[in-house]
Amino acid sequence: MSAFLASGALGLGLAFSQMVSPAPAEDVATVPGASSAVIAAPSPVSAGVRGVVGPAAGVPDAAAQAAAAVAARPVAATPFGIGSPTPLDAAAPAPAGQPASAGMQAPAAAPSSGNRFPAYTSLNVEGPYIAITFDDGPNPETTPKLLKILEARGIKATFFVVGTRATENPDLLRHMVAAGHEIGNHSWNHPQLPKIPLAEADRQVEDTSAAIRNAIGRDPIYLRPPYGAMTPALRRHIEDKYGLAMVYWSADSLDWKNRDAQAIYDKVMAQTRPGGIILMHDIHATTVAAVPRVLDALLAKGYKFATVSELIAMHKPAPPKEVAAVAAQPPRKKPKPQAAAAKPAKPAGAVGMGEANAAPRPASAVKRSAPVSASNGSSLF
């Protein structure tokens, strides 16, 4: 097995050594933000190649089937239409002069040509279904409180965990899965993946998936890149090597920045739409304090919560846009021509040229023009 891994790693290293080692600045699209607490240095590369392991005890069949459906998507690129999952590779770089900690916003769309999976920021669903996701945990101080809040309302969430915390708190991961929640990969210690060598990016992904597998008995099928930073080349590499689809977000709570329950509530409520994916962080006490009000308000609006896999399973391609037929306009009426103006009568005794020798005509023979009536005027339009 070790010889197989070594040969495979060598082949992949040769193939991708020029992709992201590190990526040039113009190819790295980042959305920086201080969304993580203290995270330890990465561990050595975990042994083993990603394999599909059966679902752990306590995982609902529906969620497992939805996840399996996503993992079994064909390699061919998926066409995207209006309202379908938005393919995302990268966000626009921060404007000149803007600090790196300016914020974590949803990445901008980029072409998905040649990708194995779609990358998701929101989905087109029938009904008020949404997914709420939590990054950077688990935190033994705050995550258990959050799990109780979710359990009290019967809400299932998706947790994108970092490998260092997953290794330190495997029982929390098992608790999440037993409660019906979903777990995704959020790297080992939260670097911007395109800004590190490819071999290190591989370690970030591999070691985190290994930590999740060791805790719950199965590999994750989604990766949320830290800061939303990704490049097309790195995305294709991760999809092909690890079978991980990219998951982003459509509603950003900015809870890492606004450590205020009201501000968090306002951000989520203003951005949430059916089919949306909400981004929060379970490592902040202020976030956990804001969650009950956020959840209750969304439930009151009629929203229903699902895991990311369940939301993806509900996706329906939007019908093509129909061009509305332009109503035929009634023909415009042409204005009626005005009657010719009457020629002024010649004064008595006046004669025209060539008429000097003509015999005078009787008064009854002179034609008179009728006056222009009001109905023949030029005020139709």
Protein backbone atom coordinates (compact mmCIF):
# COMPACT_ATOMS: atom_id res chain seq x y z
CA MET A 1 0.00 0.00 0.00
CA SER A 2 2.83 2.43 0.89
CA ALA A 3 4.51 1.77 -2.45
CA PHE A 4 1.21 2.42 -4.26
CA LEU A 5 0.75 5.67 -2.37
CA ALA A 6 4.29 6.79 -3.09
CA SER A 7 3.96 6.13 -6.79
CA GLY A 8 0.58 7.84 -6.92
CA ALA A 9 1.86 10.87 -5.03
CA LEU A 10 4.87 11.10 -7.34
CA GLY A 11 2.68 11.01 -10.43
CA LEU A 12 0.30 13.62 -9.08
CA GLY A 13 3.18 15.78 -7.93
CA LEU A 14 4.66 15.80 -11.41
CA ALA A 15 1.32 16.51 -13.01
CA PHE A 16 0.37 19.39 -10.75
CA SER A 17 3.73 20.82 -9.66
CA GLN A 18 3.16 23.90 -11.82
CA MET A 19 -0.47 24.49 -10.81
CA VAL A 20 -0.30 26.09 -7.40
CA SER A 21 3.27 26.20 -6.08
CA PRO A 22 2.32 28.84 -5.02
CA ALA A 23 -0.29 30.25 -7.39
CA PRO A 24 0.50 33.63 -8.93
CA ALA A 25 -1.20 36.58 -7.31
CA GLU A 26 -3.53 37.19 -10.24
CA ASP A 27 -4.79 33.60 -10.07
CA VAL A 28 -5.46 33.64 -6.34
CA ALA A 29 -8.87 35.00 -5.52
CA THR A 30 -9.28 35.44 -1.80
CA VAL A 31 -11.90 36.72 0.54
CA PRO A 32 -9.81 37.28 3.66
CA GLY A 33 -11.21 37.39 7.13
CA ALA A 34 -10.30 36.54 10.69
CA SER A 35 -12.81 33.77 11.03
CA SER A 36 -10.79 31.31 13.07
CA ALA A 37 -9.46 31.17 16.59
CA VAL A 38 -6.00 29.80 17.45
CA ILE A 39 -5.34 26.77 15.28
CA ALA A 40 -2.34 24.52 15.68
CA ALA A 41 0.28 23.70 13.06
CA PRO A 42 -0.51 20.96 10.53
CA SER A 43 0.22 17.33 11.33
CA PRO A 44 2.17 14.95 9.10
CA VAL A 45 0.46 13.49 6.07
CA SER A 46 -2.06 10.87 7.07
CA ALA A 47 -1.57 7.44 5.56
CA GLY A 48 -4.19 6.01 3.26
CA VAL A 49 -6.13 7.09 0.24
CA ARG A 50 -9.65 8.41 0.54
CA GLY A 51 -12.14 5.58 0.46
CA VAL A 52 -15.90 5.48 0.90
CA VAL A 53 -16.86 4.07 4.27
CA GLY A 54 -20.40 3.13 5.24
CA PRO A 55 -22.44 5.67 7.21
CA ALA A 56 -21.91 5.88 10.91
CA ALA A 57 -24.63 4.86 13.34
CA GLY A 58 -27.26 7.53 13.78
CA VAL A 59 -27.00 9.05 10.29
CA PRO A 60 -30.51 9.34 8.78
CA ASP A 61 -31.05 7.26 5.65
CA ALA A 62 -32.30 10.28 3.70
CA ALA A 63 -29.14 12.26 4.39
CA ALA A 64 -26.94 9.29 3.56
CA GLN A 65 -28.77 8.74 0.29
CA ALA A 66 -28.51 12.42 -0.61
CA ALA A 67 -24.80 12.42 0.13
CA ALA A 68 -24.31 9.28 -1.93
CA ALA A 69 -26.16 10.86 -4.83
CA VAL A 70 -23.81 13.84 -4.78
CA ALA A 71 -20.73 11.61 -4.51
CA ALA A 72 -21.92 9.58 -7.50
CA ARG A 73 -22.31 12.56 -9.83
CA PRO A 74 -20.71 11.95 -13.24
CA VAL A 75 -17.33 13.39 -14.03
CA ALA A 76 -18.68 15.39 -16.94
CA ALA A 77 -19.16 19.10 -16.34
CA THR A 78 -22.63 20.08 -15.23
CA PRO A 79 -24.40 22.80 -17.20
CA PHE A 80 -25.78 25.63 -15.14
CA GLY A 81 -28.93 27.59 -15.74
CA ILE A 82 -30.64 30.45 -14.02
CA GLY A 83 -31.46 29.44 -10.47
CA SER A 84 -29.25 26.33 -10.55
CA PRO A 85 -26.27 25.86 -8.20
CA THR A 86 -23.80 28.59 -8.95
CA PRO A 87 -20.35 27.35 -9.98
CA LEU A 88 -17.76 29.14 -7.87
CA ASP A 89 -14.03 29.05 -8.16
CA ALA A 90 -12.88 32.32 -6.74
CA ALA A 91 -13.76 35.73 -5.47
CA ALA A 92 -12.50 39.02 -6.74
CA PRO A 93 -9.39 40.19 -4.94
CA ALA A 94 -9.79 42.92 -2.36
CA PRO A 95 -9.60 46.42 -3.83
CA ALA A 96 -6.28 48.21 -3.61
CA GLY A 97 -5.74 49.69 -0.20
CA GLN A 98 -8.35 47.50 1.49
CA PRO A 99 -7.00 45.56 4.49
CA ALA A 100 -6.85 41.79 4.32
CA SER A 101 -9.33 41.53 7.17
CA ALA A 102 -11.98 43.56 5.38
CA GLY A 103 -14.50 40.75 5.42
CA MET A 104 -15.55 37.33 4.24
CA GLN A 105 -18.05 37.67 1.43
CA ALA A 106 -19.54 35.07 -0.87
CA PRO A 107 -17.13 34.38 -3.74
CA ALA A 108 -17.99 35.53 -7.23
CA ALA A 109 -19.02 33.03 -9.89
CA ALA A 110 -16.42 31.56 -12.21
CA PRO A 111 -16.67 29.12 -15.13
CA SER A 112 -17.10 25.45 -14.19
CA SER A 113 -15.83 23.94 -17.43
CA GLY A 114 -13.94 20.71 -16.86
CA ASN A 115 -14.98 20.27 -13.22
CA ARG A 116 -16.12 17.01 -11.76
CA PHE A 117 -18.75 18.55 -9.48
CA PRO A 118 -20.72 21.77 -9.27
CA ALA A 119 -19.67 24.19 -6.55
CA TYR A 120 -22.58 25.34 -4.46
CA THR A 121 -23.52 28.73 -3.06
CA SER A 122 -27.32 28.31 -3.21
CA LEU A 123 -29.82 26.01 -4.87
CA ASN A 124 -33.11 26.18 -6.70
CA VAL A 125 -35.63 24.36 -4.53
CA GLU A 126 -39.40 24.06 -4.40
CA GLY A 127 -40.33 25.36 -1.00
CA PRO A 128 -38.74 27.47 1.74
CA TYR A 129 -35.80 25.13 2.42
CA ILE A 130 -32.43 26.46 3.59
CA ALA A 131 -29.20 25.08 5.07
CA ILE A 132 -27.39 26.53 8.07
CA THR A 133 -23.67 25.80 8.32
CA PHE A 134 -21.05 26.35 11.02
CA ASP A 135 -17.30 26.67 10.39
CA ASP A 136 -14.03 26.36 12.32
CA GLY A 137 -15.15 24.03 15.12
CA PRO A 138 -15.72 22.01 17.05
CA ASN A 139 -15.11 24.07 20.17
CA PRO A 140 -15.65 22.16 23.44
CA GLU A 141 -16.93 25.33 25.12
CA THR A 142 -19.44 26.57 22.54
CA THR A 143 -20.33 23.69 20.19
CA PRO A 144 -22.15 21.57 22.82
CA LYS A 145 -24.38 24.56 23.65
CA LEU A 146 -25.13 25.04 19.96
CA LEU A 147 -25.99 21.36 19.55
CA LYS A 148 -28.55 21.64 22.36
CA ILE A 149 -30.11 24.71 20.71
CA LEU A 150 -30.43 22.86 17.40
CA GLU A 151 -31.79 19.73 19.08
CA ALA A 152 -34.47 21.70 20.92
CA ARG A 153 -35.82 22.91 17.57
CA GLY A 154 -35.30 19.72 15.58
CA ILE A 155 -32.91 21.48 13.19
CA LYS A 156 -30.15 19.67 11.29
CA ALA A 157 -27.02 21.62 10.33
CA THR A 158 -23.77 21.08 8.46
CA PHE A 159 -20.48 21.59 10.31
CA PHE A 160 -17.29 22.35 8.36
CA VAL A 161 -14.60 21.37 10.83
CA VAL A 162 -10.86 22.07 10.94
CA GLY A 163 -8.60 19.07 11.42
CA THR A 164 -6.83 20.27 14.55
CA ARG A 165 -10.10 20.67 16.44
CA ALA A 166 -11.61 17.49 15.01
CA THR A 167 -8.60 15.52 16.24
CA GLU A 168 -8.91 17.02 19.72
CA ASN A 169 -12.69 16.56 19.97
CA PRO A 170 -13.73 13.35 18.18
CA ASP A 171 -16.61 12.79 20.62
CA LEU A 172 -18.21 16.04 19.49
CA LEU A 173 -18.08 14.88 15.87
CA ARG A 174 -19.73 11.60 16.84
CA HIS A 175 -22.39 13.55 18.75
CA MET A 176 -23.07 15.69 15.66
CA VAL A 177 -23.54 12.68 13.41
CA ALA A 178 -25.68 10.83 15.94
CA ALA A 179 -27.98 13.89 16.07
CA GLY A 180 -28.37 13.88 12.27
CA HIS A 181 -25.97 16.69 11.44
CA GLU A 182 -23.50 16.60 8.55
CA ILE A 183 -19.73 17.13 8.67
CA GLY A 184 -17.56 18.69 5.98
CA ASN A 185 -13.84 19.43 5.53
CA HIS A 186 -12.58 22.95 6.30
CA SER A 187 -8.81 22.23 6.07
CA TRP A 188 -6.38 21.32 8.85
CA ASN A 189 -5.56 24.75 10.27
CA HIS A 190 -7.37 27.28 8.06
CA PRO A 191 -4.81 28.63 5.54
CA GLN A 192 -5.65 30.14 2.18
CA LEU A 193 -5.16 26.99 0.15
CA PRO A 194 -4.11 28.65 -3.14
CA LYS A 195 -1.31 30.50 -1.35
CA ILE A 196 0.53 27.41 -0.12
CA PRO A 197 2.42 24.74 -2.13
CA LEU A 198 0.30 22.00 -3.65
CA ALA A 199 1.79 19.31 -1.42
CA GLU A 200 0.84 21.33 1.67
CA ALA A 201 -2.67 21.90 0.33
CA ASP A 202 -2.96 18.14 -0.10
CA ARG A 203 -1.91 17.63 3.51
CA GLN A 204 -4.49 20.17 4.67
CA VAL A 205 -7.25 18.22 2.93
CA GLU A 206 -5.99 14.68 3.58
CA ASP A 207 -5.30 15.09 7.29
CA THR A 208 -8.65 16.70 7.95
CA SER A 209 -10.55 14.00 6.08
CA ALA A 210 -8.56 11.40 8.03
CA ALA A 211 -9.47 13.06 11.34
CA ILE A 212 -13.15 13.04 10.35
CA ARG A 213 -12.95 9.42 9.19
CA ASN A 214 -11.26 8.34 12.43
CA ALA A 215 -14.01 10.01 14.45
CA ILE A 216 -17.18 9.00 12.59
CA GLY A 217 -16.12 6.13 10.32
CA ARG A 218 -16.58 7.87 6.98
CA ASP A 219 -15.01 10.54 4.82
CA PRO A 220 -16.56 13.92 4.15
CA ILE A 221 -17.78 14.67 0.63
CA TYR A 222 -17.65 18.48 0.81
CA LEU A 223 -14.87 21.01 1.24
CA ARG A 224 -15.44 24.61 2.24
CA PRO A 225 -12.19 26.42 1.37
CA PRO A 226 -11.04 28.71 4.18
CA TYR A 227 -11.90 32.33 3.38
CA GLY A 228 -13.63 31.08 0.22
CA ALA A 229 -10.21 31.17 -1.48
CA MET A 230 -9.86 28.83 -4.46
CA THR A 231 -8.47 28.70 -7.99
CA PRO A 232 -9.81 26.73 -10.96
CA ALA A 233 -6.70 24.52 -11.14
CA LEU A 234 -6.68 23.71 -7.43
CA ARG A 235 -10.41 23.06 -7.43
CA ARG A 236 -10.08 20.52 -10.25
CA HIS A 237 -7.15 18.87 -8.46
CA ILE A 238 -9.06 18.49 -5.18
CA GLU A 239 -12.20 17.25 -6.89
CA ASP A 240 -10.35 14.66 -8.94
CA LYS A 241 -7.99 13.44 -6.22
CA TYR A 242 -10.29 13.51 -3.19
CA GLY A 243 -13.83 13.52 -4.61
CA LEU A 244 -14.74 16.64 -2.65
CA ALA A 245 -17.28 19.16 -3.96
CA MET A 246 -16.90 22.84 -3.05
CA VAL A 247 -19.56 24.41 -0.82
CA TYR A 248 -19.69 28.16 -0.32
CA TRP A 249 -22.55 30.31 1.02
CA SER A 250 -25.17 32.86 0.08
CA ALA A 251 -25.85 34.48 3.48
CA ASP A 252 -22.84 35.61 5.50
CA SER A 253 -23.48 36.43 9.16
CA LEU A 254 -20.06 38.13 9.51
CA ASP A 255 -20.15 36.82 13.07
CA TRP A 256 -16.36 36.56 13.19
CA LYS A 257 -16.24 40.33 12.72
CA ASN A 258 -19.42 41.59 14.37
CA ARG A 259 -19.32 40.01 17.80
CA ASP A 260 -22.79 41.33 18.47
CA ALA A 261 -25.97 39.25 18.54
CA GLN A 262 -28.11 41.98 16.97
CA ALA A 263 -25.69 42.57 14.10
CA ILE A 264 -25.52 38.81 13.43
CA TYR A 265 -29.31 38.57 13.44
CA ASP A 266 -29.67 41.51 11.05
CA LYS A 267 -27.14 40.10 8.56
CA VAL A 268 -28.72 36.65 8.41
CA MET A 269 -32.29 37.88 8.15
CA ALA A 270 -31.44 40.35 5.38
CA GLN A 271 -29.69 37.77 3.18
CA THR A 272 -31.60 34.52 3.65
CA ARG A 273 -33.67 33.29 0.70
CA PRO A 274 -35.15 29.87 -0.18
CA GLY A 275 -32.40 27.50 -1.27
CA GLY A 276 -29.77 29.57 0.51
CA ILE A 277 -26.78 28.44 2.57
CA ILE A 278 -26.10 30.42 5.76
CA LEU A 279 -22.53 30.83 7.05
CA MET A 280 -21.87 31.07 10.79
CA HIS A 281 -19.08 29.97 13.18
CA ASP A 282 -19.67 27.76 16.20
CA ILE A 283 -16.43 28.84 17.94
CA HIS A 284 -17.76 32.24 19.04
CA ALA A 285 -19.88 32.66 22.15
CA THR A 286 -21.64 35.66 20.60
CA THR A 287 -22.72 33.51 17.66
CA VAL A 288 -24.18 30.84 19.92
CA ALA A 289 -26.00 33.58 21.83
CA ALA A 290 -27.50 34.91 18.57
CA VAL A 291 -28.52 31.54 17.11
CA PRO A 292 -31.80 30.97 19.06
CA ARG A 293 -33.30 34.26 17.90
CA VAL A 294 -32.09 33.70 14.34
CA LEU A 295 -33.55 30.21 14.16
CA ASP A 296 -36.86 31.19 15.73
CA ALA A 297 -37.27 34.15 13.38
CA LEU A 298 -36.53 32.01 10.32
CA LEU A 299 -38.94 29.31 11.52
CA ALA A 300 -41.60 31.99 12.06
CA LYS A 301 -41.13 33.07 8.44
CA GLY A 302 -41.86 29.50 7.34
CA TYR A 303 -38.31 28.37 6.54
CA LYS A 304 -37.41 24.70 6.87
CA PHE A 305 -33.87 23.57 7.61
CA ALA A 306 -31.89 20.86 5.84
CA THR A 307 -28.32 19.67 5.67
CA VAL A 308 -26.28 20.64 2.63
CA SER A 309 -26.72 17.15 1.15
CA GLU A 310 -30.47 17.29 1.65
CA LEU A 311 -30.66 20.74 0.07
CA ILE A 312 -28.63 19.57 -2.94
CA ALA A 313 -30.93 16.55 -3.30
CA MET A 314 -33.90 18.95 -3.55
CA HIS A 315 -32.35 21.03 -6.32
CA LYS A 316 -34.40 21.38 -9.47
CA PRO A 317 -32.98 23.03 -12.58
CA ALA A 318 -34.84 26.22 -13.29
CA PRO A 319 -36.96 26.22 -16.45
CA PRO A 320 -35.55 28.27 -19.31
CA LYS A 321 -36.67 31.85 -19.38
CA GLU A 322 -39.54 32.50 -21.75
CA VAL A 323 -39.49 35.67 -23.77
CA ALA A 324 -42.82 37.37 -23.29
CA ALA A 325 -44.66 37.99 -26.57
CA VAL A 326 -44.99 41.67 -27.34
CA ALA A 327 -48.64 42.59 -27.66
CA ALA A 328 -49.56 43.81 -31.13
CA GLN A 329 -50.11 47.53 -31.12
CA PRO A 330 -53.24 48.85 -32.90
CA PRO A 331 -52.43 50.60 -36.15
CA ARG A 332 -52.04 54.31 -35.70
CA LYS A 333 -54.53 56.43 -37.55
CA LYS A 334 -53.07 58.79 -40.04
CA PRO A 335 -54.27 62.35 -39.59
CA LYS A 336 -56.84 63.39 -42.14
CA PRO A 337 -55.46 65.88 -44.64
CA GLN A 338 -56.73 69.41 -44.32
CA ALA A 339 -59.00 70.71 -47.00
CA ALA A 340 -57.32 72.99 -49.50
CA ALA A 341 -57.52 76.60 -48.48
CA ALA A 342 -59.95 78.69 -50.56
CA LYS A 343 -58.40 80.98 -53.04
CA PRO A 344 -59.19 84.61 -52.29
CA ALA A 345 -61.76 86.11 -54.66
CA LYS A 346 -60.42 88.51 -57.15
CA PRO A 347 -61.49 92.04 -56.54
CA ALA A 348 -64.01 93.39 -58.88
CA GLY A 349 -62.52 94.45 -62.13
CA ALA A 350 -59.29 92.53 -61.60
CA VAL A 351 -58.23 90.23 -64.38
CA GLY A 352 -55.54 87.64 -64.67
CA MET A 353 -52.82 87.41 -67.22
CA GLY A 354 -54.25 86.43 -70.55
CA GLU A 355 -57.70 87.41 -69.44
CA ALA A 356 -57.47 91.01 -70.48
CA ASN A 357 -59.39 90.35 -73.64
CA ALA A 358 -61.63 87.63 -72.21
CA ALA A 359 -65.32 88.26 -71.84
CA PRO A 360 -66.41 88.76 -68.22
CA ARG A 361 -67.99 85.66 -66.54
CA PRO A 362 -71.28 85.85 -64.76
CA ALA A 363 -71.27 85.66 -60.96
CA SER A 364 -73.02 82.29 -61.03
CA ALA A 365 -70.07 80.72 -62.86
CA VAL A 366 -67.48 81.51 -60.15
CA LYS A 367 -66.63 78.47 -57.93
CA ARG A 368 -66.43 79.09 -54.19
CA SER A 369 -64.61 76.75 -51.78
CA ALA A 370 -66.55 75.45 -48.82
CA PRO A 371 -65.29 76.59 -45.40
CA VAL A 372 -63.11 74.12 -43.46
CA SER A 373 -65.31 72.42 -40.91
CA ALA A 374 -64.20 71.77 -37.34
CA SER A 375 -64.25 68.01 -37.96
CA ASN A 376 -61.63 68.40 -40.69
CA GLY A 377 -59.13 70.19 -38.47
CA SER A 378 -55.59 68.91 -37.68
CA SER A 379 -56.09 68.22 -33.93
CA LEU A 380 -56.56 64.42 -34.17
CA PHE A 381 -53.25 63.66 -32.36
